[in-house]
């Protein structure tokens, strides 16, 4: 799936898949100097702002939900008393989660609200849009070649990933991943 947006202007054809619309184009990757990382972050934040407004409407008047990891922790602490099925049922029975699930059942999949984002949605509009901007480029994982010392500490060698699904861990991963990406040289070995 295409993930990156290219900088406006000519780019070597080998990095861009053929498409009908003019630049910026979508690509699977390529030299960082050819990618519009700032544009990707801006677009993700704008989309997230719209999603947060929709989410706010969908969950209006529901009490805040506890994040999934709180139920998962209960399961790990006492698996006999809190089997995983019970933990999952307790999480999905919360009114805020149910409001999102009902909304999602009624709309096209492209317009659904990710229940995995519940903790981030609850952090507020500003936090949600900033989180989306931070996640726009690295997404769920960053491949590092050669293996970066920071990346190795957070995932398998050569991969940089969040250590858990907790919002705090995701924020830390995104902070470090963006720091790593922003430290890469932006020069290309050819003329534009």
Foldseek 3Di string as FASTA:
>chain_A
DFQFWFDADDDPPVFADDDDDHPRGTGNDDALLGTDLVVLLVVQLVVQLVVLVVLCVLQPPFDQADDLVVLVVVCVVPVVVRPPVNSVCVRCPGSSNVSQVVVCVPDDVVNGDDSLCSVQSVVDSVSRSNLRSLCSPQPAKDFDVQFDPVQVVQDPGRIRGFNDSDPVSSVVSSVVVVVVVVPDDNDDPDDD
